[in-house]
Amino acid sequence: MRRVLCAALLVAATAGFVALPAGADTTAPSGGSPGTTLSFDYSDNTSPASASNGVFNIIVDVIPSHTAGFVRIVAVAPASADDPNLVCAFQAVTYSQVECAFNFTASGVWSIHADYTTNVKDPVTATAIANLRVGN
């Protein structure tokens, strides 16, 4: 059994497997940026993302690491809330991440959209969407 385990570890090390944050929502690349993936990163990946009304930070990981570009994060309000969408303008990717703080004013399920582009004037080339439950 030990030999099989050692062989499996050797194969995994040589193949260079890509590890994503546990429980992260990702999308396959689209458009002109092959190999770029966006992943939502939460501090607790053991259950679906949730927050209380008020300020909540959302982190988007850009994979592979050291990918240059810009990410915009938009929080789409629940239809029942009649609130405007919250928009965090394009930010440069730093250390493979972009972070944005949103002040959620309504309870319900917010749809979080992350858009990646290599230049803010170019079309978006990768997108990720996740749902975030906001309660009182």
C-alpha atoms as a PDB file:
ATOM      1  CA  MET A   1       0.000   0.000   0.000  1.00  0.00           C
ATOM      2  CA  ARG A   2       2.857   2.375   0.783  1.00  0.00           C
ATOM      3  CA  ARG A   3       4.352   1.791  -2.655  1.00  0.00           C
ATOM      4  CA  VAL A   4       1.061   2.680  -4.326  1.00  0.00           C
ATOM      5  CA  LEU A   5       0.780   5.850  -2.248  1.00  0.00           C
ATOM      6  CA  CYS A   6       4.367   6.871  -3.059  1.00  0.00           C
ATOM      7  CA  ALA A   7       3.779   6.198  -6.757  1.00  0.00           C
ATOM      8  CA  ALA A   8       0.589   8.265  -6.723  1.00  0.00           C
ATOM      9  CA  LEU A   9       2.343  11.180  -5.019  1.00  0.00           C
ATOM     10  CA  LEU A  10       5.193  11.016  -7.535  1.00  0.00           C
ATOM     11  CA  VAL A  11       2.758  11.075 -10.467  1.00  0.00           C
ATOM     12  CA  ALA A  12       0.835  13.985  -8.949  1.00  0.00           C
ATOM     13  CA  ALA A  13       4.032  15.959  -8.351  1.00  0.00           C
ATOM     14  CA  THR A  14       5.306  15.439 -11.886  1.00  0.00           C
ATOM     15  CA  ALA A  15       1.958  16.131 -13.544  1.00  0.00           C
ATOM     16  CA  GLY A  16       1.660  19.480 -11.736  1.00  0.00           C
ATOM     17  CA  PHE A  17      -1.944  19.331 -10.605  1.00  0.00           C
ATOM     18  CA  VAL A  18      -3.745  22.650 -10.145  1.00  0.00           C
ATOM     19  CA  ALA A  19      -5.389  23.095  -6.753  1.00  0.00           C
ATOM     20  CA  LEU A  20      -8.404  25.399  -6.359  1.00  0.00           C
ATOM     21  CA  PRO A  21      -9.681  26.728  -3.044  1.00  0.00           C
ATOM     22  CA  ALA A  22     -12.113  24.216  -1.544  1.00  0.00           C
ATOM     23  CA  GLY A  23     -15.712  24.975  -2.355  1.00  0.00           C
ATOM     24  CA  ALA A  24     -14.827  27.753  -4.764  1.00  0.00           C
ATOM     25  CA  ASP A  25     -17.090  28.549  -7.696  1.00  0.00           C
ATOM     26  CA  THR A  26     -15.180  28.746 -10.944  1.00  0.00           C
ATOM     27  CA  THR A  27     -15.826  29.159 -14.631  1.00  0.00           C
ATOM     28  CA  ALA A  28     -14.092  27.820 -17.676  1.00  0.00           C
ATOM     29  CA  PRO A  29     -12.239  30.408 -19.746  1.00  0.00           C
ATOM     30  CA  SER A  30     -14.163  32.154 -22.493  1.00  0.00           C
ATOM     31  CA  GLY A  31     -13.059  34.401 -25.308  1.00  0.00           C
ATOM     32  CA  GLY A  32      -9.470  35.411 -25.877  1.00  0.00           C
ATOM     33  CA  SER A  33      -7.843  34.528 -22.572  1.00  0.00           C
ATOM     34  CA  PRO A  34      -7.250  30.782 -22.607  1.00  0.00           C
ATOM     35  CA  GLY A  35      -6.355  29.277 -19.271  1.00  0.00           C
ATOM     36  CA  THR A  36      -7.587  32.136 -17.072  1.00  0.00           C
ATOM     37  CA  THR A  37     -10.047  31.056 -14.377  1.00  0.00           C
ATOM     38  CA  LEU A  38     -11.785  33.119 -11.706  1.00  0.00           C
ATOM     39  CA  SER A  39     -12.567  31.643  -8.309  1.00  0.00           C
ATOM     40  CA  PHE A  40     -14.459  33.096  -5.362  1.00  0.00           C
ATOM     41  CA  ASP A  41     -12.540  32.639  -2.133  1.00  0.00           C
ATOM     42  CA  TYR A  42     -14.414  32.577   1.169  1.00  0.00           C
ATOM     43  CA  SER A  43     -12.888  32.330   4.615  1.00  0.00           C
ATOM     44  CA  ASP A  44     -15.074  29.329   5.441  1.00  0.00           C
ATOM     45  CA  ASN A  45     -15.507  26.895   2.555  1.00  0.00           C
ATOM     46  CA  THR A  46     -17.393  24.293   4.592  1.00  0.00           C
ATOM     47  CA  SER A  47     -20.846  25.727   3.849  1.00  0.00           C
ATOM     48  CA  PRO A  48     -22.529  27.964   1.265  1.00  0.00           C
ATOM     49  CA  ALA A  49     -21.465  31.585   1.414  1.00  0.00           C
ATOM     50  CA  SER A  50     -23.585  33.782   3.656  1.00  0.00           C
ATOM     51  CA  ALA A  51     -23.311  37.199   5.256  1.00  0.00           C
ATOM     52  CA  SER A  52     -25.247  39.533   7.514  1.00  0.00           C
ATOM     53  CA  ASN A  53     -26.533  42.895   6.389  1.00  0.00           C
ATOM     54  CA  GLY A  54     -23.623  45.298   6.382  1.00  0.00           C
ATOM     55  CA  VAL A  55     -20.088  45.246   5.018  1.00  0.00           C
ATOM     56  CA  PHE A  56     -18.722  41.972   3.616  1.00  0.00           C
ATOM     57  CA  ASN A  57     -15.472  41.467   1.684  1.00  0.00           C
ATOM     58  CA  ILE A  58     -15.501  39.356  -1.459  1.00  0.00           C
ATOM     59  CA  ILE A  59     -12.215  37.991  -2.794  1.00  0.00           C
ATOM     60  CA  VAL A  60     -11.735  36.768  -6.353  1.00  0.00           C
ATOM     61  CA  ASP A  61      -8.703  34.606  -7.113  1.00  0.00           C
ATOM     62  CA  VAL A  62      -7.274  34.752 -10.641  1.00  0.00           C
ATOM     63  CA  ILE A  63      -5.776  31.439 -11.727  1.00  0.00           C
ATOM     64  CA  PRO A  64      -3.060  30.755 -12.825  1.00  0.00           C
ATOM     65  CA  SER A  65      -1.117  32.859 -10.340  1.00  0.00           C
ATOM     66  CA  HIS A  66       0.797  35.916 -11.552  1.00  0.00           C
ATOM     67  CA  THR A  67      -1.823  36.611 -14.236  1.00  0.00           C
ATOM     68  CA  ALA A  68      -1.899  40.321 -15.059  1.00  0.00           C
ATOM     69  CA  GLY A  69      -5.219  42.006 -15.735  1.00  0.00           C
ATOM     70  CA  PHE A  70      -8.238  43.629 -14.148  1.00  0.00           C
ATOM     71  CA  VAL A  71     -11.335  42.318 -12.343  1.00  0.00           C
ATOM     72  CA  ARG A  72     -14.697  44.000 -11.784  1.00  0.00           C
ATOM     73  CA  ILE A  73     -17.094  42.620  -9.148  1.00  0.00           C
ATOM     74  CA  VAL A  74     -20.835  43.319  -9.296  1.00  0.00           C
ATOM     75  CA  ALA A  75     -23.363  42.325  -6.632  1.00  0.00           C
ATOM     76  CA  VAL A  76     -26.814  41.955  -8.205  1.00  0.00           C
ATOM     77  CA  ALA A  77     -29.541  42.640  -5.650  1.00  0.00           C
ATOM     78  CA  PRO A  78     -32.415  40.206  -5.115  1.00  0.00           C
ATOM     79  CA  ALA A  79     -35.405  41.091  -7.325  1.00  0.00           C
ATOM     80  CA  SER A  80     -37.643  41.408  -4.252  1.00  0.00           C
ATOM     81  CA  ALA A  81     -35.341  44.034  -2.686  1.00  0.00           C
ATOM     82  CA  ASP A  82     -35.800  46.710  -5.371  1.00  0.00           C
ATOM     83  CA  ASP A  83     -32.241  47.888  -4.590  1.00  0.00           C
ATOM     84  CA  PRO A  84     -29.656  48.943  -7.179  1.00  0.00           C
ATOM     85  CA  ASN A  85     -26.750  46.659  -8.041  1.00  0.00           C
ATOM     86  CA  LEU A  86     -23.514  47.292  -6.124  1.00  0.00           C
ATOM     87  CA  VAL A  87     -20.526  47.758  -8.441  1.00  0.00           C
ATOM     88  CA  CYS A  88     -16.839  47.607  -7.616  1.00  0.00           C
ATOM     89  CA  ALA A  89     -15.020  49.109 -10.610  1.00  0.00           C
ATOM     90  CA  PHE A  90     -12.199  47.305 -12.424  1.00  0.00           C
ATOM     91  CA  GLN A  91      -9.195  46.814 -10.134  1.00  0.00           C
ATOM     92  CA  ALA A  92      -5.733  45.585 -11.067  1.00  0.00           C
ATOM     93  CA  VAL A  93      -5.000  42.005 -10.041  1.00  0.00           C
ATOM     94  CA  THR A  94      -2.527  42.020  -7.142  1.00  0.00           C
ATOM     95  CA  TYR A  95      -0.922  38.798  -5.914  1.00  0.00           C
ATOM     96  CA  SER A  96      -3.460  36.871  -8.032  1.00  0.00           C
ATOM     97  CA  GLN A  97      -6.419  38.414  -6.167  1.00  0.00           C
ATOM     98  CA  VAL A  98      -8.892  41.254  -6.200  1.00  0.00           C
ATOM     99  CA  GLU A  99     -10.864  42.181  -3.074  1.00  0.00           C
ATOM    100  CA  CYS A 100     -13.911  44.372  -2.751  1.00  0.00           C
ATOM    101  CA  ALA A 101     -16.045  45.377   0.246  1.00  0.00           C
ATOM    102  CA  PHE A 102     -19.795  45.578  -0.296  1.00  0.00           C
ATOM    103  CA  ASN A 103     -22.357  47.062   2.070  1.00  0.00           C
ATOM    104  CA  PHE A 104     -25.368  44.789   1.641  1.00  0.00           C
ATOM    105  CA  THR A 105     -28.547  46.658   2.563  1.00  0.00           C
ATOM    106  CA  ALA A 106     -31.180  44.017   1.789  1.00  0.00           C
ATOM    107  CA  SER A 107     -31.700  40.437   2.866  1.00  0.00           C
ATOM    108  CA  GLY A 108     -31.987  37.683   0.279  1.00  0.00           C
ATOM    109  CA  VAL A 109     -29.799  35.929  -2.269  1.00  0.00           C
ATOM    110  CA  TRP A 110     -27.416  38.281  -4.053  1.00  0.00           C
ATOM    111  CA  SER A 111     -25.796  37.170  -7.302  1.00  0.00           C
ATOM    112  CA  ILE A 112     -22.078  38.018  -7.327  1.00  0.00           C
ATOM    113  CA  HIS A 113     -20.488  38.455 -10.776  1.00  0.00           C
ATOM    114  CA  ALA A 114     -16.734  38.750 -11.355  1.00  0.00           C
ATOM    115  CA  ASP A 115     -15.452  39.820 -14.786  1.00  0.00           C
ATOM    116  CA  TYR A 116     -11.814  39.540 -15.930  1.00  0.00           C
ATOM    117  CA  THR A 117     -10.085  41.408 -18.733  1.00  0.00           C
ATOM    118  CA  THR A 118      -6.471  42.054 -19.655  1.00  0.00           C
ATOM    119  CA  ASN A 119      -7.218  45.746 -20.298  1.00  0.00           C
ATOM    120  CA  VAL A 120     -10.193  47.762 -18.975  1.00  0.00           C
ATOM    121  CA  LYS A 121     -10.975  48.955 -22.517  1.00  0.00           C
ATOM    122  CA  ASP A 122     -11.024  45.394 -23.917  1.00  0.00           C
ATOM    123  CA  PRO A 123     -13.965  42.978 -23.715  1.00  0.00           C
ATOM    124  CA  VAL A 124     -14.337  40.696 -20.698  1.00  0.00           C
ATOM    125  CA  THR A 125     -12.640  37.333 -21.320  1.00  0.00           C
ATOM    126  CA  ALA A 126     -13.594  35.319 -18.198  1.00  0.00           C
ATOM    127  CA  THR A 127     -16.569  35.461 -15.861  1.00  0.00           C
ATOM    128  CA  ALA A 128     -17.560  33.780 -12.596  1.00  0.00           C
ATOM    129  CA  ILE A 129     -20.928  33.893 -10.828  1.00  0.00           C
ATOM    130  CA  ALA A 130     -21.796  32.842  -7.277  1.00  0.00           C
ATOM    131  CA  ASN A 131     -24.782  33.304  -5.004  1.00  0.00           C
ATOM    132  CA  LEU A 132     -24.420  34.870  -1.568  1.00  0.00           C
ATOM    133  CA  ARG A 133     -27.211  34.620   1.014  1.00  0.00           C
ATOM    134  CA  VAL A 134     -27.532  37.812   3.055  1.00  0.00           C
ATOM    135  CA  GLY A 135     -29.586  37.756   6.258  1.00  0.00           C
ATOM    136  CA  ASN A 136     -30.360  40.117   9.122  1.00  0.00           C
END
